[in-house]
Protein backbone atom coordinates (compact mmCIF):
# COMPACT_ATOMS: atom_id res chain seq x y z
CA MET A 1 0.13 -0.23 -0.28
CA THR A 2 0.95 3.13 -1.04
CA GLU A 3 2.46 4.62 1.77
CA ASN A 4 0.93 8.81 3.24
CA ILE A 5 -2.16 7.88 0.85
CA GLU A 6 -5.74 7.46 2.81
CA LEU A 7 -7.22 4.88 0.96
CA ILE A 8 -10.68 5.04 1.46
CA ALA A 9 -13.13 2.46 -0.67
CA ARG A 10 -17.44 4.09 -1.37
CA LYS A 11 -19.74 1.64 -1.88
CA SER A 12 -23.88 2.23 -2.02
CA ASN A 13 -25.31 0.77 1.06
CA ASP A 14 -27.31 -1.24 -1.74
CA LEU A 15 -24.65 -3.43 -2.17
CA ILE A 16 -22.97 -3.34 1.47
CA GLN A 17 -26.37 -4.25 2.75
CA ASN A 18 -28.22 -6.85 -0.03
CA PHE A 19 -24.54 -8.36 -1.66
CA GLU A 20 -23.96 -11.43 -0.30
CA CYS A 21 -20.28 -12.67 0.37
CA PRO A 22 -18.90 -15.60 0.55
CA PHE A 23 -15.46 -14.19 0.03
CA THR A 24 -12.40 -14.81 1.98
CA ALA A 25 -10.76 -12.32 4.08
CA GLN A 26 -7.82 -11.85 1.18
CA GLN A 27 -10.61 -11.15 -1.58
CA GLN A 28 -12.53 -8.12 0.26
CA LYS A 29 -8.99 -6.69 1.15
CA ILE A 30 -8.72 -6.95 -2.43
CA CYS A 31 -11.95 -5.71 -3.33
CA MET A 32 -11.93 -2.76 -0.57
CA TYR A 33 -8.24 -2.18 -1.84
CA LEU A 34 -9.57 -1.50 -5.31
CA VAL A 35 -12.34 0.15 -5.15
CA ALA A 36 -10.53 2.54 -2.53
CA GLN A 37 -8.65 3.88 -5.58
CA LEU A 38 -11.78 4.95 -8.35
CA LYS A 39 -12.34 9.24 -7.36
CA PRO A 40 -15.59 10.76 -6.85
CA TRP A 41 -15.17 12.30 -9.85
CA ASP A 42 -14.64 9.92 -12.39
CA GLU A 43 -16.00 9.75 -15.87
CA GLY A 44 -16.85 6.07 -16.21
CA PHE A 45 -14.43 3.82 -15.51
CA GLN A 46 -11.04 3.30 -16.64
CA PRO A 47 -8.45 0.98 -16.71
CA LEU A 48 -6.81 1.77 -13.48
CA GLU A 49 -3.25 0.54 -13.44
CA VAL A 50 -1.17 -0.40 -9.95
CA SER A 51 2.12 -1.49 -8.14
CA VAL A 52 1.93 -5.84 -7.51
CA LYS A 53 4.28 -5.07 -4.71
CA ASP A 54 1.96 -2.28 -2.40
CA PHE A 55 -0.80 -4.80 -4.53
CA CYS A 56 0.02 -7.24 -1.99
CA LEU A 57 0.72 -5.22 0.59
CA ALA A 58 -1.94 -3.95 1.12
CA CYS A 59 -4.02 -6.87 0.57
CA GLY A 60 -2.01 -9.90 2.88
CA ILE A 61 -0.23 -11.37 -0.07
CA ASP A 62 3.06 -12.10 0.56
CA GLU A 63 5.91 -10.35 -1.44
CA PRO A 64 5.52 -11.08 -4.84
CA GLY A 65 7.12 -13.46 -6.76
CA GLY A 66 6.60 -17.18 -8.35
CA ARG A 67 3.75 -18.92 -5.62
CA SER A 68 2.80 -15.60 -4.62
CA TYR A 69 0.92 -14.65 -8.01
CA LYS A 70 -0.36 -17.81 -8.25
CA HIS A 71 -2.00 -17.15 -5.40
CA LEU A 72 -3.07 -13.94 -6.15
CA GLU A 73 -4.17 -14.71 -9.65
CA LYS A 74 -6.20 -17.13 -7.69
CA ALA A 75 -7.75 -14.65 -5.64
CA ILE A 76 -9.57 -12.50 -8.04
CA GLN A 77 -10.37 -15.05 -10.12
CA ASP A 78 -12.75 -17.04 -7.34
CA PHE A 79 -14.59 -13.58 -7.74
CA GLY A 80 -16.73 -14.76 -10.90
CA PHE A 81 -20.19 -14.48 -10.45
CA LYS A 82 -21.29 -12.90 -6.91
CA TRP A 83 -24.79 -11.80 -6.49
CA ILE A 84 -27.41 -9.60 -5.22
CA LYS A 85 -30.06 -10.70 -2.71
CA ARG A 86 -32.96 -8.34 -2.38
CA GLN A 87 -36.08 -8.72 0.12
CA ASN A 88 -38.43 -9.88 -2.26
CA GLY A 89 -36.43 -12.85 -3.13
CA LYS A 90 -35.23 -12.00 -6.78
CA LYS A 91 -31.17 -12.60 -7.27
CA GLU A 92 -28.85 -10.56 -9.21
CA ALA A 93 -26.01 -11.70 -10.75
CA LEU A 94 -22.96 -9.52 -10.38
CA ILE A 95 -19.85 -9.28 -12.94
CA TRP A 96 -17.21 -7.04 -10.88
CA PHE A 97 -13.96 -6.88 -13.43
CA LYS A 98 -14.43 -6.43 -17.30
CA TYR A 99 -10.57 -8.25 -17.49
CA VAL A 100 -7.21 -7.88 -14.67
CA LYS A 101 -4.01 -8.42 -16.14
CA ILE A 102 -1.07 -8.60 -14.40
CA GLU A 103 2.60 -7.86 -16.43
CA ASN A 104 5.97 -6.53 -15.90
CA GLY A 105 5.38 -5.65 -11.85
CA LYS A 106 1.69 -3.78 -12.82
CA ILE A 107 -1.75 -5.27 -11.93
CA THR A 108 -3.94 -3.30 -14.02
CA PHE A 109 -8.20 -3.91 -14.03
CA LEU A 110 -11.28 -2.54 -15.31
CA PHE A 111 -14.27 -3.05 -13.48
CA ASN A 112 -17.48 -4.21 -14.51
CA GLU A 113 -20.12 -1.27 -16.21
CA MET A 114 -22.28 -3.53 -14.32
CA MET A 115 -20.44 -2.37 -11.37
CA THR A 116 -21.35 0.76 -11.82
CA PRO A 117 -24.02 1.91 -9.61
CA TYR A 118 -22.77 0.69 -6.01
CA ILE A 119 -19.55 1.99 -6.31
CA LEU A 120 -19.23 4.92 -9.07
CA TYR A 121 -20.97 8.71 -9.09
CA LEU A 122 -22.56 7.73 -5.50
CA GLN A 123 -24.18 10.93 -4.60
CA ASN A 124 -26.31 9.56 -1.43
CA ASN A 125 -26.86 6.36 0.81
CA PHE A 126 -23.49 4.93 0.74
CA THR A 127 -20.10 4.35 3.13
CA LYS A 128 -17.26 5.54 3.04
CA ILE A 129 -14.45 2.56 4.55
CA GLU A 130 -11.10 3.05 5.78
CA PHE A 131 -8.50 0.60 3.84
CA ASP A 132 -6.20 1.04 6.24
CA TYR A 133 -8.98 -0.26 8.85
CA THR A 134 -10.07 -3.74 7.00
CA ALA A 135 -6.00 -3.81 6.11
CA LYS A 136 -5.41 -5.36 9.65
CA MET A 137 -8.32 -7.32 9.90
CA LYS A 138 -7.51 -11.15 9.84
CA SER A 139 -11.55 -13.27 10.08
CA LYS A 140 -13.73 -12.51 7.14
CA TYR A 141 -16.35 -11.77 8.94
CA SER A 142 -14.86 -8.35 10.73
CA ILE A 143 -14.22 -6.80 8.07
CA ARG A 144 -17.68 -7.74 6.36
CA LEU A 145 -18.83 -6.87 9.75
CA TYR A 146 -17.82 -3.65 10.50
CA GLU A 147 -19.15 -2.51 7.17
CA LEU A 148 -22.63 -3.77 7.22
CA LEU A 149 -22.65 -1.57 10.95
CA TYR A 150 -21.18 1.21 9.53
CA SER A 151 -23.42 1.32 6.53
CA TYR A 152 -26.62 1.05 9.12
CA TYR A 153 -24.97 4.10 11.06
CA TYR A 154 -25.65 7.35 9.71
CA ASN A 155 -25.61 9.75 12.39
CA LYS A 156 -21.50 9.29 13.37
CA PHE A 157 -21.94 11.92 17.02
CA GLU A 158 -24.69 9.52 18.73
CA THR A 159 -24.59 5.74 19.94
CA TYR A 160 -26.73 4.27 17.17
CA GLU A 161 -28.48 0.05 18.34
CA PHE A 162 -29.78 -1.96 15.15
CA ILE A 163 -31.05 -5.17 15.27
CA LEU A 164 -30.72 -7.83 12.75
CA SER A 165 -32.28 -11.58 12.58
CA LEU A 166 -29.85 -14.25 13.40
CA ASN A 167 -30.70 -16.45 10.29
CA GLU A 168 -30.60 -13.04 7.93
CA LEU A 169 -27.05 -11.93 9.97
CA LYS A 170 -25.75 -15.80 9.17
CA GLN A 171 -26.66 -15.10 5.27
CA LYS A 172 -24.75 -11.77 5.19
CA LEU A 173 -21.82 -12.86 7.08
CA ASP A 174 -21.44 -16.49 5.25
CA ALA A 175 -21.36 -17.54 8.84
CA ASN A 176 -23.02 -21.22 7.52
CA TYR A 177 -23.74 -22.14 11.30
CA LYS A 178 -25.90 -24.21 12.75
CA LEU A 179 -25.79 -23.88 16.41
CA TYR A 180 -26.07 -19.58 17.78
CA THR A 181 -22.81 -21.38 20.05
CA ASP A 182 -20.52 -21.64 16.23
CA VAL A 183 -21.96 -18.40 15.91
CA MET A 184 -20.70 -16.42 18.90
CA LYS A 185 -17.01 -18.86 18.99
CA ARG A 186 -16.14 -18.09 15.00
CA ALA A 187 -17.91 -15.25 13.84
CA LEU A 188 -18.72 -12.32 15.73
CA LEU A 189 -16.68 -12.77 18.62
CA PRO A 190 -13.38 -12.54 16.94
CA ALA A 191 -15.14 -9.57 14.41
CA VAL A 192 -16.00 -7.47 17.30
CA GLU A 193 -12.58 -7.75 18.65
CA GLU A 194 -11.04 -6.41 15.91
CA ILE A 195 -13.28 -4.02 15.05
CA ASN A 196 -12.99 -2.77 18.49
CA ARG A 197 -9.00 -2.61 18.39
CA LEU A 198 -7.93 -2.23 14.88
CA THR A 199 -10.97 0.53 13.72
CA ASP A 200 -12.21 3.52 14.41
CA VAL A 201 -15.37 2.12 16.13
CA PHE A 202 -16.93 0.47 19.65
CA VAL A 203 -18.98 -1.88 18.95
CA GLU A 204 -21.20 -4.04 21.39
CA TYR A 205 -23.71 -6.69 21.03
CA GLN A 206 -26.78 -9.27 22.56
CA PRO A 207 -28.10 -12.22 21.92
CA ILE A 208 -32.40 -12.24 21.40
CA LYS A 209 -34.37 -14.82 22.50
CA GLU A 210 -37.95 -15.93 21.02
CA GLY A 211 -37.94 -18.76 23.75
CA LYS A 212 -35.20 -20.98 24.29
CA LYS A 213 -33.61 -19.82 21.36
CA VAL A 214 -31.30 -17.00 19.74
CA ALA A 215 -33.28 -15.61 16.98
CA LYS A 216 -32.03 -12.05 16.93
CA ILE A 217 -28.67 -10.20 17.51
CA SER A 218 -28.53 -6.28 18.44
CA PHE A 219 -26.01 -4.20 18.42
CA THR A 220 -24.60 -1.15 19.89
CA ILE A 221 -21.80 1.72 17.79
CA ARG A 222 -20.58 4.16 18.14
CA LEU A 223 -18.04 6.43 17.07
CA LYS A 224 -14.25 6.35 19.62
CA SER A 225 -13.52 9.19 21.30
CA THR A 226 -10.52 12.32 19.26
CA ILE A 227 -8.47 10.64 22.21
CA GLU A 228 -9.04 6.77 21.20
CA ARG A 229 -9.01 7.90 17.69
CA ILE A 230 -5.36 9.26 18.11
CA LYS A 231 -4.10 6.47 20.14
CA LEU A 232 -4.85 3.94 17.64
CA ALA A 233 -3.00 5.35 14.16
CA GLY A 234 -0.23 4.83 17.00
CA ILE A 235 -1.54 1.18 16.91
CA LEU A 236 -2.04 0.63 14.10
CA ASP A 237 1.43 2.51 12.90
CA GLU A 238 2.50 0.15 15.02
CA TYR A 239 1.34 -3.25 13.18
CA GLY A 240 3.53 -2.22 10.08
CA LYS A 241 2.54 -3.28 6.11
CA PRO A 242 -0.65 -4.72 5.85
CA GLY A 243 1.00 -7.82 4.19
CA GLN A 244 1.82 -8.74 7.30
CA PHE A 245 -1.88 -9.23 8.80
CA SER A 246 -3.74 -11.35 6.26
């Protein structure tokens, strides 16, 4: 990742809230990094070129070369068709990239035009995500939960409560565990821990039961204080390059 340049990924809330996300942590970082290369004033998608070295470091791939190139190719290839699921049950298939080329230490990519309403020309109902926060995360659930909660967190100066059914949460996080205890231990606990330690917000959650079973999860999210965020900046600097944390 190019140092001293703030990378901001802008995604529509429609994409964040309705996207079925079977991506690994690394694929989510790749997606976030590439979306962050777009600028609000861009006129349509144009081929964009970035350093393979910076790209690999930012997205948690070891120093480029040999096996890492194959790893990168495989991660991008696996994007394929991905789905947005509507409330009426209908699905829309998305193809993220028109083409991706790796050559001479550079990676050139072009987003597919069908992604335009989700990541370009965004005027309202979208969320800005600082790539530096997600780059340090290890769990795929952390990245996904962070952007999901942030998309509902409209007033950053107030504490916000948000409730999701357990089934909806499992679907949105791609946490395909039958038991709530497994969802909690394998997805929620590591995700909330990383979000609270590595990002600008503090999250708490509380299970809500219907009868004897957990049916819903209540999330509380608040922006960390200025002092907390200043301390966080120092902590993130100590982590070194994002590539070490995937």
